[in-house]
Amino acid sequence: MGRLFGTDGVRGVANADLTAELALGLSVAAAHVLAEAGTFAGHRPTAVVGRDPRASGEFLEAAVVAGLASAGVDVLRVGVLPTPAVAYLTGALGADLGVMLSASHNAMPDNGIKFFARGGHKLADELEDRIETVYEQHRTGAPWERPTGAGVGRVSDYDEGFEKYVAHLISVLPNRLDGLKVVLDEAHGAASHVSPEAFARAGAEVVTIGGEPDGLNINDGCGSTHLGLLKAAVLEHGADFGIAHDGDADRCLAVDGAGEEVDGDQILAVLALAMREAGTLRGDTVVATVMSNLGFKLAMEREGLQLVQTAVGDRYVLEAMKAEGYALGGEQSGHVIVLDHATTGDGTLTGLMLAARVAATGRSLAELAGVMRRLPQVLINVPDVDKSRVKTSAELATAVAEAERELGATGRVLLRPSGTEPLVRVMVEAADIEQARSVAGSLADAVKSALG
């Protein structure tokens, strides 16, 4: 698998790349590294462990729990819950560590492990590097120090996690959702029960699709990566709008009443204006990644708001938010972080806040999202290339420079290696869609030639 940790934990094909042995070993390594860092100083450590509904999550959860308990960590199993719920519970319960088993929007055969530090924040890069180093040291022969007797960790089920998380979501809403009809696509994932319950308690009339997980159907033709079913359902039921989550529900995309997509940039724009009006948008600033549409940047400038851009990955958005105390950030893909209420992207919270804005203003989602105009954007994934050489290839640098000259000030180019998959992403924006497609196609060919 190369370097184990990507931009969102350790991810791979379950039982091939991500084995039970790897999950157990990483969990033990995480316990040892956090102990060395002083996280457990003076008390018996506790970890919260949750998962999405993938079949492979069952054996991987068992491996993670075994690894943590064997290292002297008490474990609270919260079962199938969204990633942001595990992050929230890690903080709310005062746990020293959180572990989520999910491959997010990836297909069912994949799975992943995400670690959360005390407070529910993702681990810093240096801690992930240290965990990987310690894991490799012990995998190749160095024995673990193992507690015995009363020193081993105890394992229990924490059945109150669902209710505690839903109550939290409802408590932070600025207003109720009475009068709204909403379709929710749960991607047969971790929010299949959480999200409909939260929207219903908040007063919305709820229609749910993709809400029957069987361990094998997660993200299968539904959810935030496949919006066709949601668009059709919104029109069929005459709903005000629809919300789509991914497998672990840290994302939220939307569909307006006419069946048109509302992406993460537009959602960020709507929430930014709502929070500024409420006085909660600290510094009148929004944090987003370099993948955000140029139209989002132009809209924020027009509205008098500042935009801080980071590398791709919600962890980097969060780091920038925490460093400067900003309240709102996110990604075009639908990872939206409202830092006053969550420590990571939270799809259900985002959807609720978007719905609350519609309810409070009496305006349609389409009208609210019209605050920004998306410039044509073409994204091509180029597989089977050496993504490690994206920044060092002279041939590729020349191709990018030529593309930027062609686009001028009305567009932009972005090449980046995927943090979770073996491919390079080519993104081109332009005022004209045909020009964007042409330039993106040429760059994709250049990537194949230079890195293939």
Protein backbone atom coordinates (compact mmCIF):
# COMPACT_ATOMS: atom_id res chain seq x y z
CA MET A 1 0.00 0.00 0.00
CA GLY A 2 3.02 2.36 0.14
CA ARG A 3 2.59 4.95 2.86
CA LEU A 4 -0.29 3.70 4.96
CA PHE A 5 -1.88 7.03 5.92
CA GLY A 6 -3.45 9.12 3.19
CA THR A 7 -5.40 12.37 3.50
CA ASP A 8 -8.21 10.55 5.29
CA GLY A 9 -6.71 7.76 7.34
CA VAL A 10 -5.70 4.31 6.11
CA ARG A 11 -7.80 2.98 3.28
CA GLY A 12 -7.76 -0.01 0.91
CA VAL A 13 -9.58 -3.14 -0.19
CA ALA A 14 -10.77 -4.86 2.96
CA ASN A 15 -9.10 -8.22 3.65
CA ALA A 16 -6.58 -7.58 0.87
CA ASP A 17 -4.88 -4.23 1.57
CA LEU A 18 -6.63 -3.54 4.85
CA THR A 19 -6.43 -6.79 6.79
CA ALA A 20 -7.44 -7.71 10.31
CA GLU A 21 -3.75 -7.98 11.20
CA LEU A 22 -3.08 -4.46 9.94
CA ALA A 23 -6.10 -3.05 11.78
CA LEU A 24 -5.03 -4.73 15.02
CA GLY A 25 -1.40 -3.65 14.66
CA LEU A 26 -2.26 -0.03 13.87
CA SER A 27 -4.57 0.13 16.87
CA VAL A 28 -1.87 -1.15 19.21
CA ALA A 29 0.63 1.27 17.64
CA ALA A 30 -1.80 4.18 18.08
CA ALA A 31 -2.23 3.32 21.76
CA HIS A 32 1.54 3.20 22.31
CA VAL A 33 2.21 6.43 20.40
CA LEU A 34 -0.48 8.36 22.26
CA ALA A 35 0.83 6.98 25.55
CA GLU A 36 4.35 8.17 24.63
CA ALA A 37 2.92 11.59 23.75
CA GLY A 38 1.46 11.90 27.24
CA THR A 39 -2.17 11.63 26.13
CA PHE A 40 -2.89 8.92 28.71
CA ALA A 41 -0.83 10.43 31.52
CA GLY A 42 -2.27 9.76 34.94
CA HIS A 43 -5.39 7.87 33.96
CA ARG A 44 -6.68 4.71 32.35
CA PRO A 45 -7.30 5.47 28.64
CA THR A 46 -10.64 5.12 26.87
CA ALA A 47 -11.45 4.86 23.16
CA VAL A 48 -14.69 5.23 21.19
CA VAL A 49 -14.97 2.85 18.23
CA GLY A 50 -17.63 3.10 15.51
CA ARG A 51 -18.14 1.93 11.93
CA ASP A 52 -20.28 2.26 8.83
CA PRO A 53 -22.48 -0.69 7.73
CA ARG A 54 -19.95 -2.40 5.41
CA ALA A 55 -19.76 -6.15 5.97
CA SER A 56 -15.99 -5.90 6.36
CA GLY A 57 -16.47 -3.42 9.19
CA GLU A 58 -17.60 -6.28 11.39
CA PHE A 59 -14.29 -8.14 11.42
CA LEU A 60 -12.22 -4.94 11.27
CA GLU A 61 -14.07 -3.56 14.28
CA ALA A 62 -13.26 -6.77 16.16
CA ALA A 63 -9.57 -6.40 15.26
CA VAL A 64 -9.41 -2.74 16.31
CA VAL A 65 -11.17 -3.44 19.59
CA ALA A 66 -8.86 -6.38 20.29
CA GLY A 67 -5.78 -4.30 19.54
CA LEU A 68 -6.82 -1.41 21.78
CA ALA A 69 -7.89 -3.63 24.68
CA SER A 70 -4.66 -5.65 24.42
CA ALA A 71 -2.77 -2.36 24.83
CA GLY A 72 -4.66 -1.49 28.01
CA VAL A 73 -7.30 0.82 26.50
CA ASP A 74 -10.93 0.57 27.60
CA VAL A 75 -13.21 0.53 24.57
CA LEU A 76 -16.72 1.91 24.09
CA ARG A 77 -18.29 0.36 20.98
CA VAL A 78 -20.93 2.70 19.54
CA GLY A 79 -21.83 0.51 16.55
CA VAL A 80 -22.96 1.90 13.20
CA LEU A 81 -22.86 5.69 13.34
CA PRO A 82 -21.56 8.46 11.06
CA THR A 83 -17.92 9.54 11.24
CA PRO A 84 -18.89 12.94 12.73
CA ALA A 85 -20.89 11.13 15.41
CA VAL A 86 -17.79 9.17 16.47
CA ALA A 87 -15.79 12.41 16.50
CA TYR A 88 -18.49 14.15 18.55
CA LEU A 89 -18.79 11.28 21.04
CA THR A 90 -15.01 11.10 21.44
CA GLY A 91 -15.12 14.69 22.67
CA ALA A 92 -18.42 14.56 24.53
CA LEU A 93 -17.47 11.43 26.49
CA GLY A 94 -13.96 12.68 27.31
CA ALA A 95 -12.36 9.76 25.49
CA ASP A 96 -8.65 9.77 24.71
CA LEU A 97 -9.04 8.26 21.25
CA GLY A 98 -11.71 7.71 18.62
CA VAL A 99 -11.61 5.16 15.80
CA MET A 100 -13.94 5.09 12.81
CA LEU A 101 -14.02 2.21 10.33
CA SER A 102 -15.22 3.50 6.97
CA ALA A 103 -14.12 4.10 3.40
CA SER A 104 -16.49 7.07 3.11
CA HIS A 105 -17.75 7.38 -0.50
CA ASN A 106 -15.69 4.43 -1.81
CA ALA A 107 -17.34 1.26 -3.10
CA MET A 108 -18.28 -1.53 -0.70
CA PRO A 109 -15.15 -3.72 -1.08
CA ASP A 110 -13.00 -0.90 0.38
CA ASN A 111 -12.75 0.06 4.01
CA GLY A 112 -10.62 2.37 6.10
CA ILE A 113 -9.48 3.39 9.58
CA LYS A 114 -9.63 6.98 10.84
CA PHE A 115 -8.20 7.96 14.21
CA PHE A 116 -9.41 10.89 16.31
CA ALA A 117 -7.47 12.49 19.12
CA ARG A 118 -8.93 13.67 22.42
CA GLY A 119 -11.65 16.22 21.72
CA GLY A 120 -12.67 14.49 18.46
CA HIS A 121 -10.05 16.08 16.16
CA LYS A 122 -8.20 14.15 13.47
CA LEU A 123 -4.65 13.21 14.41
CA ALA A 124 -1.86 15.54 13.33
CA ASP A 125 0.33 14.34 10.45
CA GLU A 126 3.31 13.82 12.75
CA LEU A 127 1.30 11.51 15.02
CA GLU A 128 0.12 9.48 12.02
CA ASP A 129 3.72 9.22 10.83
CA ARG A 130 4.80 8.06 14.28
CA ILE A 131 2.02 5.45 14.43
CA GLU A 132 3.10 4.09 11.06
CA THR A 133 6.75 3.97 12.14
CA VAL A 134 5.95 2.17 15.39
CA TYR A 135 3.67 -0.27 13.59
CA GLU A 136 6.45 -1.15 11.10
CA GLN A 137 9.01 -1.57 13.88
CA HIS A 138 6.87 -4.09 15.70
CA ARG A 139 5.64 -5.83 12.56
CA THR A 140 9.24 -6.67 11.73
CA GLY A 141 10.06 -8.19 15.08
CA ALA A 142 10.26 -5.79 18.03
CA PRO A 143 7.88 -7.14 20.73
CA TRP A 144 5.09 -5.05 22.24
CA GLU A 145 4.94 -4.26 25.92
CA ARG A 146 1.70 -5.94 26.93
CA PRO A 147 -0.33 -5.39 30.10
CA THR A 148 -1.66 -8.42 31.92
CA GLY A 149 -4.27 -9.10 34.56
CA ALA A 150 -6.30 -6.05 35.49
CA GLY A 151 -4.15 -3.97 33.14
CA VAL A 152 -5.87 -5.15 29.96
CA GLY A 153 -8.60 -2.97 28.50
CA ARG A 154 -12.29 -3.66 29.07
CA VAL A 155 -14.84 -3.60 26.23
CA SER A 156 -18.45 -2.44 26.50
CA ASP A 157 -21.24 -1.29 24.18
CA TYR A 158 -22.31 2.35 24.45
CA ASP A 159 -25.92 2.21 23.27
CA GLU A 160 -26.66 5.85 24.11
CA GLY A 161 -24.49 7.17 21.26
CA PHE A 162 -27.32 7.47 18.72
CA GLU A 163 -29.58 9.48 21.02
CA LYS A 164 -26.76 11.65 22.34
CA TYR A 165 -25.64 12.59 18.83
CA VAL A 166 -29.14 13.30 17.47
CA ALA A 167 -29.92 15.46 20.52
CA HIS A 168 -26.74 17.42 19.86
CA LEU A 169 -27.72 18.05 16.24
CA ILE A 170 -31.15 19.34 17.20
CA SER A 171 -29.78 21.53 19.99
CA VAL A 172 -27.56 23.61 17.69
CA LEU A 173 -30.16 24.40 15.01
CA PRO A 174 -31.05 28.11 14.86
CA ASN A 175 -34.71 27.42 14.01
CA ARG A 176 -37.13 24.59 13.25
CA LEU A 177 -37.89 23.11 9.84
CA ASP A 178 -41.68 23.02 10.03
CA GLY A 179 -43.35 23.26 6.63
CA LEU A 180 -40.44 21.80 4.65
CA LYS A 181 -40.59 18.56 2.70
CA VAL A 182 -37.16 17.02 2.26
CA VAL A 183 -35.88 13.90 0.50
CA LEU A 184 -32.85 12.30 2.16
CA ASP A 185 -30.54 9.89 0.30
CA GLU A 186 -28.56 8.03 2.93
CA ALA A 187 -26.38 5.99 0.51
CA HIS A 188 -27.34 2.87 2.51
CA GLY A 189 -24.71 4.14 4.90
CA ALA A 190 -23.97 5.16 8.45
CA ALA A 191 -26.61 7.91 8.66
CA SER A 192 -29.50 5.75 7.45
CA HIS A 193 -31.28 6.13 10.80
CA VAL A 194 -29.60 9.20 12.27
CA SER A 195 -30.36 11.72 9.53
CA PRO A 196 -34.09 10.93 9.02
CA GLU A 197 -34.59 10.99 12.79
CA ALA A 198 -32.88 14.37 13.16
CA PHE A 199 -34.78 16.01 10.30
CA ALA A 200 -38.10 14.63 11.55
CA ARG A 201 -37.49 15.84 15.10
CA ALA A 202 -36.63 19.27 13.70
CA GLY A 203 -40.08 19.44 12.09
CA ALA A 204 -39.48 18.50 8.45
CA GLU A 205 -41.59 16.08 6.45
CA VAL A 206 -39.07 13.43 5.45
CA VAL A 207 -38.90 11.06 2.50
CA THR A 208 -35.98 8.64 2.77
CA ILE A 209 -34.24 6.74 -0.03
CA GLY A 210 -31.07 4.67 0.21
CA GLY A 211 -31.83 3.99 3.85
CA GLU A 212 -31.76 0.19 4.01
CA PRO A 213 -28.13 -0.87 4.53
CA ASP A 214 -27.42 -4.60 4.27
CA GLY A 215 -23.63 -4.44 4.51
CA LEU A 216 -23.18 -4.84 0.74
CA ASN A 217 -25.14 -1.96 -0.84
CA ILE A 218 -23.37 1.08 0.63
CA ASN A 219 -22.84 3.84 -2.00
CA ASP A 220 -24.20 1.50 -4.67
CA GLY A 221 -25.69 3.84 -7.26
CA CYS A 222 -26.91 6.25 -4.61
CA GLY A 223 -25.73 8.91 -2.18
CA SER A 224 -23.57 11.96 -2.76
CA THR A 225 -21.60 10.37 -5.62
CA HIS A 226 -24.71 9.32 -7.56
CA LEU A 227 -27.36 12.05 -7.41
CA GLY A 228 -29.68 10.68 -10.11
CA LEU A 229 -32.01 8.87 -7.71
CA LEU A 230 -32.26 11.89 -5.43
CA LYS A 231 -33.08 14.24 -8.29
CA ALA A 232 -35.85 11.91 -9.46
CA ALA A 233 -37.24 11.49 -5.94
CA VAL A 234 -37.35 15.26 -5.30
CA LEU A 235 -39.39 15.75 -8.46
CA GLU A 236 -41.60 12.71 -7.83
CA HIS A 237 -42.52 13.78 -4.29
CA GLY A 238 -42.72 17.51 -4.98
CA ALA A 239 -40.16 18.13 -2.25
CA ASP A 240 -38.64 21.50 -1.45
CA PHE A 241 -35.18 19.99 -1.93
CA GLY A 242 -33.09 16.88 -1.33
CA ILE A 243 -30.00 16.06 0.72
CA ALA A 244 -27.44 13.37 -0.16
CA HIS A 245 -24.84 11.87 2.17
CA ASP A 246 -21.98 9.48 1.50
CA GLY A 247 -21.30 6.19 3.25
CA ASP A 248 -20.02 7.67 6.51
CA ALA A 249 -22.12 10.86 6.30
CA ASP A 250 -19.33 13.39 6.61
CA ARG A 251 -20.49 14.88 3.30
CA CYS A 252 -23.61 16.74 2.21
CA LEU A 253 -24.65 17.63 -1.31
CA ALA A 254 -28.09 18.92 -2.22
CA VAL A 255 -30.66 19.04 -5.02
CA ASP A 256 -33.05 21.96 -5.31
CA GLY A 257 -36.79 21.70 -5.96
CA ALA A 258 -36.26 21.64 -9.72
CA GLY A 259 -33.81 18.74 -9.47
CA GLU A 260 -30.67 20.84 -10.00
CA GLU A 261 -27.50 19.98 -8.07
CA VAL A 262 -26.28 22.27 -5.29
CA ASP A 263 -22.65 21.45 -4.57
CA GLY A 264 -20.42 22.02 -1.57
CA ASP A 265 -19.25 25.44 -2.75
CA GLN A 266 -22.82 26.67 -3.05
CA ILE A 267 -23.73 25.22 0.34
CA LEU A 268 -20.72 26.99 1.87
CA ALA A 269 -21.83 30.25 0.26
CA VAL A 270 -25.37 29.95 1.63
CA LEU A 271 -24.15 29.10 5.13
CA ALA A 272 -21.53 31.86 5.06
CA LEU A 273 -24.18 34.52 4.47
CA ALA A 274 -26.46 33.01 7.10
CA MET A 275 -23.68 32.94 9.68
CA ARG A 276 -22.58 36.47 8.88
CA GLU A 277 -26.16 37.62 9.42
CA ALA A 278 -26.23 35.78 12.74
CA GLY A 279 -22.86 37.24 13.79
CA THR A 280 -21.17 33.83 14.00
CA LEU A 281 -18.89 34.03 10.93
CA ARG A 282 -15.73 35.02 12.75
CA GLY A 283 -13.48 37.34 10.80
CA ASP A 284 -16.05 37.38 7.98
CA THR A 285 -13.90 34.56 6.59
CA VAL A 286 -14.57 31.19 4.96
CA VAL A 287 -11.92 28.48 4.55
CA ALA A 288 -12.01 26.31 1.42
CA THR A 289 -9.59 24.24 -0.66
CA VAL A 290 -7.86 24.97 -3.93
CA MET A 291 -10.47 22.75 -5.61
CA SER A 292 -13.26 25.26 -4.93
CA ASN A 293 -14.86 26.69 -8.03
CA LEU A 294 -13.58 30.08 -9.13
CA GLY A 295 -17.20 31.24 -9.02
CA PHE A 296 -17.20 30.67 -5.26
CA LYS A 297 -14.18 32.93 -4.80
CA LEU A 298 -15.78 35.64 -6.93
CA ALA A 299 -19.05 35.40 -4.98
CA MET A 300 -17.28 35.74 -1.63
CA GLU A 301 -15.38 38.79 -2.89
CA ARG A 302 -18.63 40.36 -4.12
CA GLU A 303 -20.25 39.79 -0.72
CA GLY A 304 -17.31 41.33 1.11
CA LEU A 305 -16.17 38.06 2.68
CA GLN A 306 -12.59 36.80 2.91
CA LEU A 307 -11.56 33.42 1.50
CA VAL A 308 -8.63 31.37 2.83
CA GLN A 309 -7.63 28.43 0.60
CA THR A 310 -5.82 25.26 1.68
CA ALA A 311 -4.61 21.98 0.24
CA VAL A 312 -7.30 19.42 -0.60
CA GLY A 313 -8.61 17.49 2.38
CA ASP A 314 -10.93 18.51 5.18
CA ARG A 315 -8.10 17.96 7.67
CA TYR A 316 -6.21 20.88 6.12
CA VAL A 317 -9.33 23.04 6.12
CA LEU A 318 -9.76 22.24 9.79
CA GLU A 319 -6.12 23.03 10.60
CA ALA A 320 -6.46 26.49 9.02
CA MET A 321 -9.74 27.10 10.85
CA LYS A 322 -8.28 26.15 14.22
CA ALA A 323 -5.11 28.17 13.66
CA GLU A 324 -7.01 31.42 13.11
CA GLY A 325 -10.26 30.71 14.94
CA TYR A 326 -12.47 30.69 11.84
CA ALA A 327 -15.95 29.22 12.15
CA LEU A 328 -16.81 27.87 8.68
CA GLY A 329 -14.91 25.89 6.09
CA GLY A 330 -15.30 23.05 3.65
CA GLU A 331 -14.83 21.44 0.28
CA GLN A 332 -16.68 21.39 -3.01
CA SER A 333 -17.27 17.68 -2.45
CA GLY A 334 -19.60 18.48 0.44
CA HIS A 335 -17.31 18.24 3.47
CA VAL A 336 -18.48 21.25 5.48
CA ILE A 337 -17.13 22.06 8.94
CA VAL A 338 -19.03 24.31 11.32
CA LEU A 339 -16.39 24.48 14.03
CA ASP A 340 -18.65 25.77 16.79
CA HIS A 341 -20.67 22.55 16.57
CA ALA A 342 -18.42 19.88 14.99
CA THR A 343 -14.75 18.94 14.77
CA THR A 344 -14.99 17.40 11.30
CA GLY A 345 -17.20 17.48 8.24
CA ASP A 346 -20.75 16.60 9.28
CA GLY A 347 -23.22 15.86 6.49
CA THR A 348 -26.30 15.68 8.68
CA LEU A 349 -25.48 18.90 10.52
CA THR A 350 -24.76 20.65 7.21
CA GLY A 351 -28.05 19.49 5.74
CA LEU A 352 -29.96 20.61 8.81
CA MET A 353 -28.35 24.07 8.76
CA LEU A 354 -29.04 24.44 5.05
CA ALA A 355 -32.67 23.48 5.65
CA ALA A 356 -32.88 25.90 8.57
CA ARG A 357 -31.76 28.73 6.26
CA VAL A 358 -34.47 27.84 3.73
CA ALA A 359 -37.09 27.71 6.50
CA ALA A 360 -35.96 30.98 8.11
CA THR A 361 -35.86 33.02 4.89
CA GLY A 362 -38.84 31.52 3.09
CA ARG A 363 -36.66 31.47 -0.05
CA SER A 364 -36.10 28.41 -2.20
CA LEU A 365 -32.80 26.59 -2.13
CA ALA A 366 -32.29 27.49 -5.80
CA GLU A 367 -32.66 31.19 -4.99
CA LEU A 368 -30.28 30.99 -2.03
CA ALA A 369 -27.69 29.00 -3.99
CA GLY A 370 -27.86 31.61 -6.76
CA VAL A 371 -25.52 33.79 -4.69
CA MET A 372 -22.75 32.20 -6.77
CA ARG A 373 -22.45 31.12 -10.40
CA ARG A 374 -20.38 28.04 -10.98
CA LEU A 375 -17.88 28.46 -13.77
CA PRO A 376 -17.58 25.41 -16.05
CA GLN A 377 -15.24 22.93 -14.38
CA VAL A 378 -13.92 19.71 -15.88
CA LEU A 379 -12.31 17.04 -13.71
CA ILE A 380 -10.51 14.04 -15.23
CA ASN A 381 -9.05 11.23 -13.13
CA VAL A 382 -5.95 9.71 -14.72
CA PRO A 383 -5.21 6.22 -13.30
CA ASP A 384 -2.17 3.98 -13.50
CA VAL A 385 0.46 6.74 -13.35
CA ASP A 386 3.25 7.60 -10.90
CA LYS A 387 1.38 10.22 -8.88
CA SER A 388 4.47 10.91 -6.73
CA ARG A 389 6.11 12.79 -9.66
CA VAL A 390 3.34 15.34 -10.26
CA LYS A 391 5.40 18.20 -8.78
CA THR A 392 8.78 17.17 -10.18
CA SER A 393 8.09 16.33 -13.83
CA ALA A 394 9.52 19.01 -16.15
CA GLU A 395 7.43 17.71 -19.06
CA LEU A 396 4.24 18.10 -17.02
CA ALA A 397 5.26 21.57 -15.78
CA THR A 398 5.62 22.72 -19.39
CA ALA A 399 2.18 21.36 -20.30
CA VAL A 400 0.59 23.13 -17.32
CA ALA A 401 2.27 26.43 -18.20
CA GLU A 402 0.94 26.19 -21.77
CA ALA A 403 -2.56 25.47 -20.50
CA GLU A 404 -2.45 28.44 -18.14
CA ARG A 405 -1.37 30.74 -20.96
CA GLU A 406 -4.30 29.55 -23.07
CA LEU A 407 -6.83 30.12 -20.29
CA GLY A 408 -5.49 33.49 -19.18
CA ALA A 409 -7.26 35.27 -16.32
CA THR A 410 -10.64 33.64 -17.02
CA GLY A 411 -9.69 30.16 -15.89
CA ARG A 412 -7.27 28.02 -13.93
CA VAL A 413 -5.58 24.62 -13.86
CA LEU A 414 -5.00 22.27 -10.93
CA LEU A 415 -3.20 18.93 -10.94
CA ARG A 416 -2.98 16.89 -7.79
CA PRO A 417 -2.32 13.29 -6.76
CA SER A 418 -5.28 11.66 -5.04
CA GLY A 419 -4.77 11.11 -1.34
CA THR A 420 -6.96 8.01 -1.27
CA GLU A 421 -6.69 6.41 -4.73
CA PRO A 422 -3.82 5.55 -7.17
CA LEU A 423 -4.51 8.33 -9.66
CA VAL A 424 -3.89 11.98 -10.59
CA ARG A 425 -6.77 14.45 -10.75
CA VAL A 426 -6.75 17.04 -13.56
CA MET A 427 -9.07 19.99 -12.97
CA VAL A 428 -9.63 22.84 -15.42
CA GLU A 429 -11.96 25.82 -15.08
CA ALA A 430 -12.80 28.21 -17.90
CA ALA A 431 -15.54 30.66 -18.86
CA ASP A 432 -16.44 28.30 -21.72
CA ILE A 433 -17.15 24.59 -21.13
CA GLU A 434 -15.73 23.49 -24.48
CA GLN A 435 -12.44 25.24 -23.76
CA ALA A 436 -12.34 23.61 -20.31
CA ARG A 437 -12.90 20.17 -21.84
CA SER A 438 -10.26 20.71 -24.51
CA VAL A 439 -7.60 21.91 -22.08
CA ALA A 440 -8.42 19.18 -19.55
CA GLY A 441 -8.19 16.49 -22.22
CA SER A 442 -4.81 17.76 -23.38
CA LEU A 443 -3.51 17.87 -19.81
CA ALA A 444 -4.77 14.36 -19.08
CA ASP A 445 -2.82 13.14 -22.12
CA ALA A 446 0.24 15.00 -20.83
CA VAL A 447 -0.09 13.33 -17.43
CA LYS A 448 -0.22 9.89 -19.07
CA SER A 449 2.81 10.71 -21.20
CA ALA A 450 4.89 12.22 -18.42
CA LEU A 451 3.96 9.92 -15.53
CA GLY A 452 2.83 6.69 -17.20
